[in-house]
Amino acid sequence: IKPFDRFLVFGSLDVENNLIKGINELETLASKKDIAGIKLYPGYQEFYPNEKRLNPIYKLAQDYNLPVTFHAGETTQEGSFPESWEIEEDNPEKYYHFRTHPVHMAKVAQRFPEIKIIMSHYGQPFTNSVRLILNQHKNTYTDVSGLWKTGKDDTPKEKRMTKKALVKLANECDINQVLFGSDFPIQSLEDSIGHVENMELSLENQKKVFYENAKSILML
């Protein structure tokens, strides 16, 4: 895809087995402007985002002005997540053992305020925590990708819950911190577009979510 300027690539690394080598490779890619950001996969790899051994990654992102995206929320690797993806987090601490809980990403955002931190997938099922973090840290963002495998398989109740949480995101948070995403092929492009449409946004704010906010983060 290198000859096509429509595509931008985020770099990643194997935190568990090749951390130092991976950081060096990211440094090389960043210096050549071959990557537009960094993507990390807590939960699928055994680390918490706020571990100090990852600070060189964040320092690199800061030096090259690269956004850092985390897989946030449910994984297939960390055991049983709460069934409802809009759980009432009256006691969020009981979920902090999950490596993908957004609270660990918030600590990175606080430690490195110059880095743009993206919490993928609206942190499902920890959507309440994501909204709180967005309002506390203006260098944090979320996307609405991968909120279901396909709309055809979701029950009517699950679809209502999805829309309710999306409307809350639109009403309670700065829309400039919300991004479109598809998670294709896990989620269809049609369903991904439908998530944004379900947020009941003005046309101006839809444009922000679909592309203007991403353009700002990526400095396009």
N, C-alpha and C. Protein backbone atom coordinates (compact mmCIF):
# COMPACT_ATOMS: atom_id res chain seq x y z
N ILE A 1 0.82 -1.21 0.00
CA ILE A 1 0.00 0.00 0.00
C ILE A 1 0.85 1.27 0.00
N LYS A 2 2.18 1.13 0.08
CA LYS A 2 3.03 2.31 0.19
C LYS A 2 2.84 3.30 -0.95
N PRO A 3 2.62 2.85 -2.20
CA PRO A 3 2.46 3.83 -3.29
C PRO A 3 1.16 4.63 -3.21
N PHE A 4 0.23 4.23 -2.34
CA PHE A 4 -1.08 4.87 -2.30
C PHE A 4 -1.16 5.81 -1.10
N ASP A 5 -1.26 7.11 -1.35
CA ASP A 5 -1.23 8.07 -0.26
C ASP A 5 -2.56 8.14 0.49
N ARG A 6 -3.55 7.36 0.08
CA ARG A 6 -4.82 7.33 0.82
C ARG A 6 -4.69 6.49 2.09
N PHE A 7 -3.65 5.69 2.20
CA PHE A 7 -3.50 4.79 3.34
C PHE A 7 -2.40 5.30 4.28
N LEU A 8 -2.72 5.27 5.57
CA LEU A 8 -1.74 5.56 6.61
C LEU A 8 -1.64 4.34 7.51
N VAL A 9 -0.45 4.06 7.99
CA VAL A 9 -0.19 2.85 8.75
C VAL A 9 0.19 3.20 10.19
N PHE A 10 -0.37 2.44 11.13
CA PHE A 10 0.06 2.52 12.53
C PHE A 10 1.00 1.35 12.80
N GLY A 11 2.10 1.62 13.47
CA GLY A 11 3.04 0.57 13.82
C GLY A 11 2.69 -0.07 15.15
N SER A 12 3.14 -1.31 15.35
CA SER A 12 2.92 -2.00 16.61
C SER A 12 4.17 -2.81 16.95
N LEU A 13 4.12 -3.55 18.05
CA LEU A 13 5.27 -4.34 18.47
C LEU A 13 4.84 -5.44 19.42
N ASP A 14 5.73 -6.39 19.62
CA ASP A 14 5.50 -7.49 20.55
C ASP A 14 6.05 -7.09 21.91
N VAL A 15 5.18 -6.58 22.75
CA VAL A 15 5.60 -6.08 24.06
C VAL A 15 6.16 -7.21 24.93
N GLU A 16 5.57 -8.39 24.84
CA GLU A 16 5.96 -9.50 25.72
C GLU A 16 7.34 -10.06 25.39
N ASN A 17 7.65 -10.21 24.12
CA ASN A 17 8.84 -10.97 23.74
C ASN A 17 9.96 -10.15 23.10
N ASN A 18 9.60 -9.02 22.50
CA ASN A 18 10.62 -8.25 21.77
C ASN A 18 10.42 -6.74 21.99
N LEU A 19 10.33 -6.34 23.25
CA LEU A 19 10.03 -4.95 23.56
C LEU A 19 11.10 -4.00 23.03
N ILE A 20 12.35 -4.22 23.38
CA ILE A 20 13.41 -3.30 22.99
C ILE A 20 13.59 -3.29 21.47
N LYS A 21 13.60 -4.47 20.88
CA LYS A 21 13.71 -4.56 19.42
C LYS A 21 12.55 -3.84 18.75
N GLY A 22 11.36 -4.05 19.29
CA GLY A 22 10.18 -3.40 18.71
C GLY A 22 10.23 -1.89 18.81
N ILE A 23 10.72 -1.37 19.95
CA ILE A 23 10.84 0.08 20.11
C ILE A 23 11.83 0.64 19.09
N ASN A 24 12.93 -0.07 18.90
CA ASN A 24 13.93 0.38 17.92
C ASN A 24 13.35 0.39 16.51
N GLU A 25 12.56 -0.62 16.19
CA GLU A 25 11.94 -0.68 14.87
C GLU A 25 10.93 0.46 14.70
N LEU A 26 10.17 0.74 15.75
CA LEU A 26 9.22 1.86 15.68
C LEU A 26 9.96 3.18 15.49
N GLU A 27 11.09 3.32 16.16
CA GLU A 27 11.89 4.54 16.02
C GLU A 27 12.35 4.71 14.58
N THR A 28 12.79 3.63 13.96
CA THR A 28 13.22 3.69 12.56
C THR A 28 12.06 4.08 11.65
N LEU A 29 10.92 3.44 11.85
CA LEU A 29 9.75 3.73 11.03
C LEU A 29 9.28 5.17 11.22
N ALA A 30 9.28 5.63 12.46
CA ALA A 30 8.84 6.99 12.74
C ALA A 30 9.79 8.01 12.13
N SER A 31 11.09 7.75 12.21
CA SER A 31 12.07 8.69 11.66
C SER A 31 11.95 8.81 10.15
N LYS A 32 11.49 7.74 9.50
CA LYS A 32 11.29 7.76 8.05
C LYS A 32 9.88 8.21 7.66
N LYS A 33 9.07 8.51 8.66
CA LYS A 33 7.67 8.91 8.46
C LYS A 33 6.87 7.82 7.75
N ASP A 34 7.21 6.57 8.07
CA ASP A 34 6.49 5.43 7.49
C ASP A 34 5.28 5.02 8.33
N ILE A 35 5.14 5.56 9.53
CA ILE A 35 3.96 5.29 10.36
C ILE A 35 3.33 6.60 10.80
N ALA A 36 2.01 6.56 10.95
CA ALA A 36 1.26 7.75 11.36
C ALA A 36 0.81 7.67 12.81
N GLY A 37 1.08 6.53 13.47
CA GLY A 37 0.67 6.35 14.85
C GLY A 37 1.16 5.00 15.34
N ILE A 38 0.81 4.68 16.60
CA ILE A 38 1.19 3.41 17.22
C ILE A 38 -0.06 2.75 17.78
N LYS A 39 -0.18 1.43 17.59
CA LYS A 39 -1.32 0.67 18.12
C LYS A 39 -0.78 -0.38 19.09
N LEU A 40 -1.36 -0.42 20.29
CA LEU A 40 -0.95 -1.39 21.30
C LEU A 40 -2.14 -2.27 21.68
N TYR A 41 -1.83 -3.52 22.04
CA TYR A 41 -2.87 -4.52 22.25
C TYR A 41 -2.81 -5.14 23.65
N PRO A 42 -3.09 -4.34 24.70
CA PRO A 42 -3.23 -4.98 26.01
C PRO A 42 -4.39 -5.97 25.97
N GLY A 43 -4.30 -6.99 26.80
CA GLY A 43 -5.36 -8.01 26.77
C GLY A 43 -5.00 -9.13 25.83
N TYR A 44 -4.65 -8.80 24.61
CA TYR A 44 -4.15 -9.81 23.68
C TYR A 44 -2.68 -10.09 23.93
N GLN A 45 -1.98 -9.12 24.51
CA GLN A 45 -0.65 -9.33 25.04
C GLN A 45 -0.70 -9.01 26.54
N GLU A 46 0.18 -9.63 27.30
CA GLU A 46 0.10 -9.53 28.75
C GLU A 46 0.86 -8.31 29.28
N PHE A 47 0.20 -7.17 29.23
CA PHE A 47 0.75 -5.96 29.84
C PHE A 47 -0.40 -4.99 30.13
N TYR A 48 -0.17 -4.13 31.11
CA TYR A 48 -1.08 -3.04 31.40
C TYR A 48 -0.53 -1.78 30.74
N PRO A 49 -1.37 -0.95 30.14
CA PRO A 49 -0.88 0.22 29.41
C PRO A 49 -0.02 1.17 30.24
N ASN A 50 -0.25 1.25 31.54
CA ASN A 50 0.46 2.23 32.36
C ASN A 50 1.75 1.68 32.98
N GLU A 51 2.19 0.49 32.55
CA GLU A 51 3.45 -0.04 33.07
C GLU A 51 4.62 0.87 32.66
N LYS A 52 5.51 1.10 33.60
CA LYS A 52 6.62 2.03 33.34
C LYS A 52 7.57 1.52 32.26
N ARG A 53 7.63 0.20 32.06
CA ARG A 53 8.53 -0.32 31.02
C ARG A 53 8.10 0.11 29.62
N LEU A 54 6.86 0.60 29.50
CA LEU A 54 6.37 1.07 28.20
C LEU A 54 6.65 2.55 27.98
N ASN A 55 7.19 3.24 28.98
CA ASN A 55 7.44 4.67 28.83
C ASN A 55 8.27 5.03 27.59
N PRO A 56 9.28 4.21 27.20
CA PRO A 56 10.02 4.56 25.98
C PRO A 56 9.13 4.61 24.73
N ILE A 57 8.08 3.79 24.70
CA ILE A 57 7.14 3.85 23.57
C ILE A 57 6.43 5.20 23.56
N TYR A 58 5.97 5.61 24.73
CA TYR A 58 5.24 6.87 24.82
C TYR A 58 6.15 8.07 24.59
N LYS A 59 7.40 7.95 25.04
CA LYS A 59 8.35 9.04 24.78
C LYS A 59 8.61 9.15 23.28
N LEU A 60 8.71 8.02 22.59
CA LEU A 60 8.88 8.02 21.14
C LEU A 60 7.68 8.68 20.47
N ALA A 61 6.48 8.29 20.90
CA ALA A 61 5.26 8.89 20.33
C ALA A 61 5.24 10.39 20.56
N GLN A 62 5.67 10.81 21.73
CA GLN A 62 5.71 12.24 22.03
C GLN A 62 6.72 12.96 21.15
N ASP A 63 7.90 12.37 20.99
CA ASP A 63 8.95 13.01 20.19
C ASP A 63 8.55 13.17 18.73
N TYR A 64 7.81 12.18 18.20
CA TYR A 64 7.44 12.21 16.78
C TYR A 64 5.99 12.64 16.57
N ASN A 65 5.36 13.07 17.64
CA ASN A 65 3.97 13.56 17.56
C ASN A 65 3.05 12.52 16.94
N LEU A 66 3.14 11.28 17.46
CA LEU A 66 2.31 10.19 16.96
C LEU A 66 1.20 9.87 17.95
N PRO A 67 -0.03 9.71 17.50
CA PRO A 67 -1.08 9.25 18.41
C PRO A 67 -0.86 7.79 18.79
N VAL A 68 -1.33 7.42 19.97
CA VAL A 68 -1.23 6.04 20.44
C VAL A 68 -2.64 5.49 20.64
N THR A 69 -2.94 4.40 19.93
CA THR A 69 -4.24 3.74 20.04
C THR A 69 -4.09 2.47 20.86
N PHE A 70 -5.02 2.27 21.80
CA PHE A 70 -5.06 1.04 22.58
C PHE A 70 -6.31 0.24 22.23
N HIS A 71 -6.16 -1.08 22.16
CA HIS A 71 -7.36 -1.90 22.20
C HIS A 71 -7.94 -1.71 23.60
N ALA A 72 -9.21 -1.34 23.67
CA ALA A 72 -9.86 -1.08 24.95
C ALA A 72 -11.11 -1.93 25.08
N GLY A 73 -11.35 -2.44 26.28
CA GLY A 73 -12.56 -3.20 26.53
C GLY A 73 -12.40 -4.68 26.24
N GLU A 74 -13.47 -5.28 25.81
CA GLU A 74 -13.57 -6.74 25.73
C GLU A 74 -12.51 -7.36 24.82
N THR A 75 -11.98 -8.50 25.26
CA THR A 75 -11.10 -9.32 24.44
C THR A 75 -11.55 -10.77 24.57
N THR A 76 -10.95 -11.61 23.76
CA THR A 76 -11.21 -13.05 23.87
C THR A 76 -10.16 -13.73 24.74
N GLN A 77 -9.25 -12.94 25.32
CA GLN A 77 -8.10 -13.51 26.02
C GLN A 77 -8.16 -13.39 27.54
N GLU A 78 -8.99 -12.51 28.06
CA GLU A 78 -8.90 -12.18 29.48
C GLU A 78 -10.05 -12.74 30.31
N GLY A 79 -10.70 -13.78 29.86
CA GLY A 79 -11.76 -14.36 30.67
C GLY A 79 -13.10 -13.69 30.42
N SER A 80 -14.00 -13.80 31.38
CA SER A 80 -15.38 -13.36 31.21
C SER A 80 -15.52 -11.87 31.50
N PHE A 81 -16.04 -11.16 30.53
CA PHE A 81 -16.38 -9.76 30.71
C PHE A 81 -17.86 -9.66 31.10
N PRO A 82 -18.27 -8.56 31.72
CA PRO A 82 -19.70 -8.39 32.03
C PRO A 82 -20.54 -8.53 30.77
N GLU A 83 -21.69 -9.14 30.89
CA GLU A 83 -22.52 -9.43 29.71
C GLU A 83 -23.04 -8.15 29.06
N SER A 84 -23.55 -7.25 29.85
CA SER A 84 -24.09 -6.02 29.31
C SER A 84 -22.95 -5.06 29.01
N TRP A 85 -22.91 -4.53 27.78
CA TRP A 85 -21.77 -3.68 27.46
C TRP A 85 -22.00 -2.23 27.86
N GLU A 86 -23.08 -1.99 28.58
CA GLU A 86 -23.22 -0.69 29.23
C GLU A 86 -23.48 -0.94 30.71
N ILE A 87 -22.56 -1.60 31.36
CA ILE A 87 -22.71 -1.93 32.76
C ILE A 87 -22.74 -0.67 33.60
N GLU A 88 -23.41 -0.76 34.73
CA GLU A 88 -23.43 0.35 35.67
C GLU A 88 -22.17 0.25 36.53
N GLU A 89 -21.23 1.14 36.29
CA GLU A 89 -19.95 1.05 36.97
C GLU A 89 -19.98 1.84 38.28
N ASP A 90 -20.89 1.44 39.17
CA ASP A 90 -20.95 2.09 40.48
C ASP A 90 -19.72 1.74 41.31
N ASN A 91 -19.08 0.63 40.96
CA ASN A 91 -17.85 0.22 41.63
C ASN A 91 -16.84 -0.21 40.57
N PRO A 92 -16.31 0.75 39.80
CA PRO A 92 -15.47 0.38 38.66
C PRO A 92 -14.19 -0.34 39.05
N GLU A 93 -13.74 -0.15 40.31
CA GLU A 93 -12.49 -0.79 40.72
C GLU A 93 -12.53 -2.30 40.58
N LYS A 94 -13.70 -2.89 40.65
CA LYS A 94 -13.77 -4.35 40.55
C LYS A 94 -13.46 -4.85 39.16
N TYR A 95 -13.36 -3.92 38.19
CA TYR A 95 -13.01 -4.30 36.82
C TYR A 95 -11.59 -3.91 36.45
N TYR A 96 -10.85 -3.28 37.35
CA TYR A 96 -9.54 -2.76 37.02
C TYR A 96 -8.52 -3.86 36.75
N HIS A 97 -8.84 -5.11 37.13
CA HIS A 97 -7.89 -6.19 36.85
C HIS A 97 -7.80 -6.49 35.36
N PHE A 98 -8.81 -6.05 34.58
CA PHE A 98 -8.73 -6.23 33.14
C PHE A 98 -7.66 -5.29 32.57
N ARG A 99 -6.74 -5.84 31.81
CA ARG A 99 -5.67 -5.02 31.24
C ARG A 99 -6.20 -3.97 30.28
N THR A 100 -7.39 -4.22 29.77
CA THR A 100 -7.96 -3.32 28.76
C THR A 100 -8.92 -2.30 29.36
N HIS A 101 -8.98 -2.21 30.68
CA HIS A 101 -9.86 -1.20 31.27
C HIS A 101 -9.31 0.19 30.96
N PRO A 102 -10.15 1.12 30.53
CA PRO A 102 -9.68 2.45 30.14
C PRO A 102 -8.95 3.22 31.23
N VAL A 103 -9.15 2.87 32.49
CA VAL A 103 -8.48 3.61 33.56
C VAL A 103 -6.96 3.52 33.42
N HIS A 104 -6.46 2.41 32.90
CA HIS A 104 -5.01 2.27 32.72
C HIS A 104 -4.50 3.18 31.60
N MET A 105 -5.35 3.44 30.61
CA MET A 105 -5.00 4.33 29.51
C MET A 105 -5.05 5.79 29.97
N ALA A 106 -5.97 6.07 30.89
CA ALA A 106 -6.08 7.42 31.44
C ALA A 106 -4.80 7.80 32.18
N LYS A 107 -4.18 6.82 32.84
CA LYS A 107 -2.93 7.09 33.56
C LYS A 107 -1.81 7.46 32.58
N VAL A 108 -1.82 6.84 31.41
CA VAL A 108 -0.84 7.20 30.37
C VAL A 108 -1.11 8.62 29.88
N ALA A 109 -2.38 8.93 29.66
CA ALA A 109 -2.75 10.27 29.19
C ALA A 109 -2.33 11.34 30.21
N GLN A 110 -2.45 11.02 31.48
CA GLN A 110 -2.05 11.96 32.52
C GLN A 110 -0.53 12.11 32.58
N ARG A 111 0.19 11.02 32.39
CA ARG A 111 1.65 11.03 32.46
C ARG A 111 2.26 11.72 31.24
N PHE A 112 1.58 11.56 30.08
CA PHE A 112 2.09 12.15 28.83
C PHE A 112 1.00 13.02 28.20
N PRO A 113 0.77 14.20 28.74
CA PRO A 113 -0.36 15.04 28.27
C PRO A 113 -0.22 15.53 26.84
N GLU A 114 0.97 15.43 26.26
CA GLU A 114 1.15 15.89 24.88
C GLU A 114 0.78 14.82 23.86
N ILE A 115 0.60 13.59 24.32
CA ILE A 115 0.25 12.50 23.40
C ILE A 115 -1.26 12.41 23.26
N LYS A 116 -1.71 12.16 22.05
CA LYS A 116 -3.12 11.89 21.80
C LYS A 116 -3.36 10.40 22.02
N ILE A 117 -4.20 10.07 22.98
CA ILE A 117 -4.48 8.69 23.36
C ILE A 117 -5.87 8.30 22.86
N ILE A 118 -5.94 7.22 22.08
CA ILE A 118 -7.22 6.76 21.52
C ILE A 118 -7.59 5.43 22.17
N MET A 119 -8.76 5.40 22.80
CA MET A 119 -9.30 4.18 23.42
C MET A 119 -10.28 3.56 22.43
N SER A 120 -9.88 2.47 21.81
CA SER A 120 -10.70 1.88 20.74
C SER A 120 -12.00 1.29 21.26
N HIS A 121 -12.93 1.15 20.35
CA HIS A 121 -14.17 0.39 20.57
C HIS A 121 -15.03 0.96 21.70
N TYR A 122 -14.86 2.29 21.98
CA TYR A 122 -15.66 2.93 23.03
C TYR A 122 -15.48 2.19 24.36
N GLY A 123 -14.37 1.43 24.47
CA GLY A 123 -14.07 0.73 25.71
C GLY A 123 -15.08 -0.33 26.11
N GLN A 124 -15.93 -0.74 25.20
CA GLN A 124 -16.98 -1.71 25.49
C GLN A 124 -16.45 -2.89 26.31
N PRO A 125 -16.99 -3.21 27.48
CA PRO A 125 -18.25 -2.72 28.07
C PRO A 125 -18.08 -1.56 29.04
N PHE A 126 -16.88 -0.95 29.08
CA PHE A 126 -16.62 0.07 30.10
C PHE A 126 -16.90 1.47 29.55
N THR A 127 -18.05 1.64 28.93
CA THR A 127 -18.38 2.90 28.26
C THR A 127 -18.54 4.05 29.24
N ASN A 128 -19.04 3.78 30.43
CA ASN A 128 -19.17 4.84 31.43
C ASN A 128 -17.81 5.41 31.79
N SER A 129 -16.84 4.54 31.97
CA SER A 129 -15.48 4.98 32.31
C SER A 129 -14.87 5.78 31.17
N VAL A 130 -15.11 5.37 29.93
CA VAL A 130 -14.58 6.11 28.79
C VAL A 130 -15.12 7.53 28.77
N ARG A 131 -16.41 7.69 28.99
CA ARG A 131 -16.98 9.05 28.98
C ARG A 131 -16.37 9.90 30.08
N LEU A 132 -16.18 9.32 31.24
CA LEU A 132 -15.56 10.05 32.35
C LEU A 132 -14.15 10.48 31.99
N ILE A 133 -13.39 9.59 31.40
CA ILE A 133 -12.00 9.88 31.03
C ILE A 133 -11.93 10.95 29.95
N LEU A 134 -12.81 10.88 28.97
CA LEU A 134 -12.83 11.89 27.91
C LEU A 134 -13.03 13.29 28.50
N ASN A 135 -13.86 13.38 29.52
CA ASN A 135 -14.13 14.68 30.13
C ASN A 135 -13.02 15.13 31.06
N GLN A 136 -12.23 14.20 31.55
CA GLN A 136 -11.13 14.55 32.46
C GLN A 136 -9.84 14.86 31.72
N HIS A 137 -9.63 14.22 30.58
CA HIS A 137 -8.35 14.34 29.87
C HIS A 137 -8.63 14.71 28.40
N LYS A 138 -8.33 15.92 28.05
CA LYS A 138 -8.65 16.41 26.70
C LYS A 138 -7.71 15.86 25.63
N ASN A 139 -6.69 15.13 26.04
CA ASN A 139 -5.82 14.47 25.05
C ASN A 139 -6.24 13.02 24.82
N THR A 140 -7.45 12.66 25.26
CA THR A 140 -7.97 11.32 25.02
C THR A 140 -9.10 11.34 24.00
N TYR A 141 -9.24 10.23 23.30
CA TYR A 141 -10.25 10.08 22.25
C TYR A 141 -10.80 8.66 22.31
N THR A 142 -11.94 8.45 21.68
CA THR A 142 -12.44 7.09 21.51
C THR A 142 -13.02 6.94 20.11
N ASP A 143 -13.08 5.70 19.64
CA ASP A 143 -13.76 5.44 18.38
C ASP A 143 -14.95 4.52 18.63
N VAL A 144 -15.83 4.45 17.66
CA VAL A 144 -17.06 3.66 17.82
C VAL A 144 -17.02 2.42 16.95
N SER A 145 -15.83 1.87 16.77
CA SER A 145 -15.68 0.66 15.96
C SER A 145 -15.93 -0.58 16.78
N GLY A 146 -16.34 -1.64 16.11
CA GLY A 146 -16.40 -2.96 16.72
C GLY A 146 -17.34 -3.10 17.88
N LEU A 147 -18.45 -2.38 17.87
CA LEU A 147 -19.39 -2.46 18.99
C LEU A 147 -20.32 -3.66 18.89
N TRP A 148 -20.33 -4.31 17.74
CA TRP A 148 -21.01 -5.60 17.59
C TRP A 148 -20.37 -6.32 16.41
N LYS A 149 -20.57 -7.61 16.34
CA LYS A 149 -19.96 -8.36 15.23
C LYS A 149 -20.67 -8.04 13.92
N THR A 150 -21.96 -8.02 13.95
CA THR A 150 -22.76 -7.58 12.82
C THR A 150 -24.15 -7.28 13.32
N GLY A 151 -24.72 -6.20 12.84
CA GLY A 151 -26.05 -5.81 13.28
C GLY A 151 -27.09 -6.88 13.05
N LYS A 152 -26.87 -7.76 12.09
CA LYS A 152 -27.85 -8.80 11.79
C LYS A 152 -27.96 -9.81 12.93
N ASP A 153 -26.89 -9.96 13.73
CA ASP A 153 -26.88 -10.94 14.79
C ASP A 153 -27.32 -10.38 16.14
N ASP A 154 -27.33 -9.06 16.28
CA ASP A 154 -27.69 -8.48 17.56
C ASP A 154 -29.19 -8.53 17.80
N THR A 155 -29.56 -8.73 19.06
CA THR A 155 -30.98 -8.74 19.42
C THR A 155 -31.50 -7.30 19.45
N PRO A 156 -32.81 -7.11 19.36
CA PRO A 156 -33.37 -5.75 19.47
C PRO A 156 -32.93 -5.05 20.75
N LYS A 157 -32.87 -5.79 21.87
CA LYS A 157 -32.44 -5.18 23.13
C LYS A 157 -31.01 -4.70 23.04
N GLU A 158 -30.13 -5.52 22.46
CA GLU A 158 -28.73 -5.13 22.32
C GLU A 158 -28.58 -3.90 21.44
N LYS A 159 -29.38 -3.81 20.40
CA LYS A 159 -29.32 -2.64 19.52
C LYS A 159 -29.79 -1.39 20.26
N ARG A 160 -30.82 -1.53 21.09
CA ARG A 160 -31.29 -0.38 21.88
C ARG A 160 -30.22 0.08 22.86
N MET A 161 -29.56 -0.86 23.48
CA MET A 161 -28.51 -0.52 24.44
C MET A 161 -27.34 0.17 23.74
N THR A 162 -27.00 -0.32 22.55
CA THR A 162 -25.93 0.29 21.78
C THR A 162 -26.26 1.75 21.46
N LYS A 163 -27.47 1.97 20.97
CA LYS A 163 -27.86 3.34 20.62
C LYS A 163 -27.88 4.24 21.85
N LYS A 164 -28.39 3.73 22.97
CA LYS A 164 -28.45 4.52 24.20
C LYS A 164 -27.05 4.99 24.61
N ALA A 165 -26.08 4.08 24.56
CA ALA A 165 -24.71 4.43 24.95
C ALA A 165 -24.08 5.41 23.96
N LEU A 166 -24.41 5.27 22.68
CA LEU A 166 -23.87 6.19 21.67
C LEU A 166 -24.44 7.59 21.84
N VAL A 167 -25.72 7.68 22.15
CA VAL A 167 -26.34 8.99 22.38
C VAL A 167 -25.74 9.64 23.63
N LYS A 168 -25.48 8.85 24.67
CA LYS A 168 -24.82 9.38 25.86
C LYS A 168 -23.45 9.95 25.51
N LEU A 169 -22.72 9.25 24.68
CA LEU A 169 -21.41 9.72 24.26
C LEU A 169 -21.52 11.07 23.56
N ALA A 170 -22.51 11.20 22.69
CA ALA A 170 -22.70 12.45 21.95
C ALA A 170 -23.13 13.59 22.86
N ASN A 171 -23.95 13.29 23.86
CA ASN A 171 -24.51 14.33 24.71
C ASN A 171 -23.61 14.72 25.88
N GLU A 172 -22.80 13.79 26.36
CA GLU A 172 -22.03 14.03 27.57
C GLU A 172 -20.58 14.41 27.33
N CYS A 173 -20.10 14.21 26.10
CA CYS A 173 -18.67 14.42 25.82
C CYS A 173 -18.48 15.39 24.66
N ASP A 174 -17.27 15.88 24.54
CA ASP A 174 -16.89 16.76 23.43
C ASP A 174 -16.82 15.92 22.16
N ILE A 175 -17.63 16.27 21.18
CA ILE A 175 -17.70 15.47 19.96
C ILE A 175 -16.38 15.48 19.20
N ASN A 176 -15.51 16.46 19.51
CA ASN A 176 -14.20 16.52 18.87
C ASN A 176 -13.28 15.39 19.34
N GLN A 177 -13.70 14.64 20.35
CA GLN A 177 -12.90 13.53 20.87
C GLN A 177 -13.45 12.17 20.42
N VAL A 178 -14.36 12.18 19.46
CA VAL A 178 -15.02 10.94 19.02
C VAL A 178 -14.66 10.68 17.55
N LEU A 179 -14.30 9.42 17.26
CA LEU A 179 -13.83 9.05 15.93
C LEU A 179 -14.66 7.92 15.34
N PHE A 180 -14.83 7.96 14.04
CA PHE A 180 -15.40 6.83 13.30
C PHE A 180 -14.37 5.71 13.21
N GLY A 181 -14.84 4.48 13.21
CA GLY A 181 -13.99 3.33 12.98
C GLY A 181 -14.85 2.16 12.54
N SER A 182 -14.26 1.21 11.83
CA SER A 182 -15.06 0.11 11.30
C SER A 182 -14.76 -1.24 11.95
N ASP A 183 -13.51 -1.48 12.34
CA ASP A 183 -13.10 -2.80 12.82
C ASP A 183 -13.41 -3.88 11.77
N PHE A 184 -13.44 -3.49 10.50
CA PHE A 184 -13.71 -4.42 9.41
C PHE A 184 -12.62 -5.49 9.35
N PRO A 185 -12.93 -6.76 9.15
CA PRO A 185 -14.23 -7.34 8.80
C PRO A 185 -15.04 -7.85 10.00
N ILE A 186 -14.58 -7.56 11.24
CA ILE A 186 -15.35 -7.99 12.41
C ILE A 186 -16.73 -7.37 12.39
N GLN A 187 -16.79 -6.13 12.01
CA GLN A 187 -18.05 -5.39 11.92
C GLN A 187 -18.17 -4.83 10.51
N SER A 188 -19.37 -4.87 9.94
CA SER A 188 -19.54 -4.40 8.57
C SER A 188 -19.43 -2.88 8.50
N LEU A 189 -19.08 -2.38 7.34
CA LEU A 189 -18.99 -0.94 7.14
C LEU A 189 -20.35 -0.29 7.31
N GLU A 190 -21.41 -0.98 6.88
CA GLU A 190 -22.76 -0.44 7.02
C GLU A 190 -23.13 -0.25 8.49
N ASP A 191 -22.81 -1.25 9.31
CA ASP A 191 -23.11 -1.13 10.74
C ASP A 191 -22.27 -0.03 11.38
N SER A 192 -21.03 0.11 10.93
CA SER A 192 -20.15 1.14 11.49
C SER A 192 -20.70 2.53 11.20
N ILE A 193 -21.15 2.74 9.98
CA ILE A 193 -21.76 4.03 9.62
C ILE A 193 -23.04 4.24 10.44
N GLY A 194 -23.78 3.15 10.65
CA GLY A 194 -25.01 3.23 11.43
C GLY A 194 -24.78 3.69 12.86
N HIS A 195 -23.64 3.32 13.44
CA HIS A 195 -23.34 3.79 14.80
C HIS A 195 -23.30 5.31 14.87
N VAL A 196 -22.64 5.92 13.91
CA VAL A 196 -22.54 7.38 13.90
C VAL A 196 -23.92 7.99 13.67
N GLU A 197 -24.67 7.41 12.76
CA GLU A 197 -26.03 7.92 12.50
C GLU A 197 -26.91 7.79 13.73
N ASN A 198 -26.70 6.77 14.55
CA ASN A 198 -27.49 6.57 15.76
C ASN A 198 -27.16 7.55 16.88
N MET A 199 -26.10 8.32 16.72
CA MET A 199 -25.71 9.27 17.76
C MET A 199 -26.56 10.53 17.73
N GLU A 200 -27.42 10.66 16.73
CA GLU A 200 -28.35 11.80 16.62
C GLU A 200 -27.59 13.13 16.58
N LEU A 201 -26.60 13.18 15.72
CA LEU A 201 -25.74 14.35 15.60
C LEU A 201 -26.23 15.27 14.49
N SER A 202 -25.83 16.52 14.57
CA SER A 202 -26.04 17.43 13.45
C SER A 202 -25.13 17.00 12.30
N LEU A 203 -25.42 17.47 11.11
CA LEU A 203 -24.59 17.13 9.96
C LEU A 203 -23.15 17.60 10.18
N GLU A 204 -23.00 18.76 10.78
CA GLU A 204 -21.67 19.30 11.05
C GLU A 204 -20.88 18.36 11.98
N ASN A 205 -21.55 17.87 13.02
CA ASN A 205 -20.85 16.98 13.97
C ASN A 205 -20.64 15.58 13.39
N GLN A 206 -21.53 15.15 12.51
CA GLN A 206 -21.29 13.88 11.81
C GLN A 206 -19.99 13.96 11.01
N LYS A 207 -19.78 15.08 10.32
CA LYS A 207 -18.56 15.26 9.55
C LYS A 207 -17.33 15.20 10.44
N LYS A 208 -17.45 15.77 11.64
CA LYS A 208 -16.33 15.71 12.58
C LYS A 208 -15.99 14.27 12.93
N VAL A 209 -17.00 13.49 13.26
CA VAL A 209 -16.77 12.10 13.66
C VAL A 209 -16.27 11.27 12.49
N PHE A 210 -16.87 11.44 11.33
CA PHE A 210 -16.49 10.62 10.18
C PHE A 210 -15.06 10.88 9.71
N TYR A 211 -14.60 12.15 9.72
CA TYR A 211 -13.26 12.37 9.17
C TYR A 211 -12.52 13.59 9.71
N GLU A 212 -13.21 14.65 10.11
CA GLU A 212 -12.49 15.85 10.48
C GLU A 212 -11.66 15.68 11.75
N ASN A 213 -12.19 14.94 12.72
CA ASN A 213 -11.42 14.73 13.95
C ASN A 213 -10.16 13.89 13.68
N ALA A 214 -10.30 12.89 12.83
CA ALA A 214 -9.14 12.06 12.48
C ALA A 214 -8.10 12.90 11.73
N LYS A 215 -8.56 13.76 10.84
CA LYS A 215 -7.63 14.62 10.11
C LYS A 215 -6.84 15.50 11.07
N SER A 216 -7.51 15.98 12.12
CA SER A 216 -6.84 16.81 13.09
C SER A 216 -5.80 16.02 13.87
N ILE A 217 -6.16 14.83 14.32
CA ILE A 217 -5.23 13.99 15.09
C ILE A 217 -4.02 13.61 14.26
N LEU A 218 -4.26 13.32 12.98
CA LEU A 218 -3.18 12.87 12.09
C LEU A 218 -2.47 14.03 11.39
N MET A 219 -2.93 15.23 11.67
CA MET A 219 -2.33 16.45 11.11
C MET A 219 -2.32 16.43 9.58
N LEU A 220 -3.47 16.09 9.00
CA LEU A 220 -3.58 16.03 7.54
C LEU A 220 -4.09 17.35 6.99
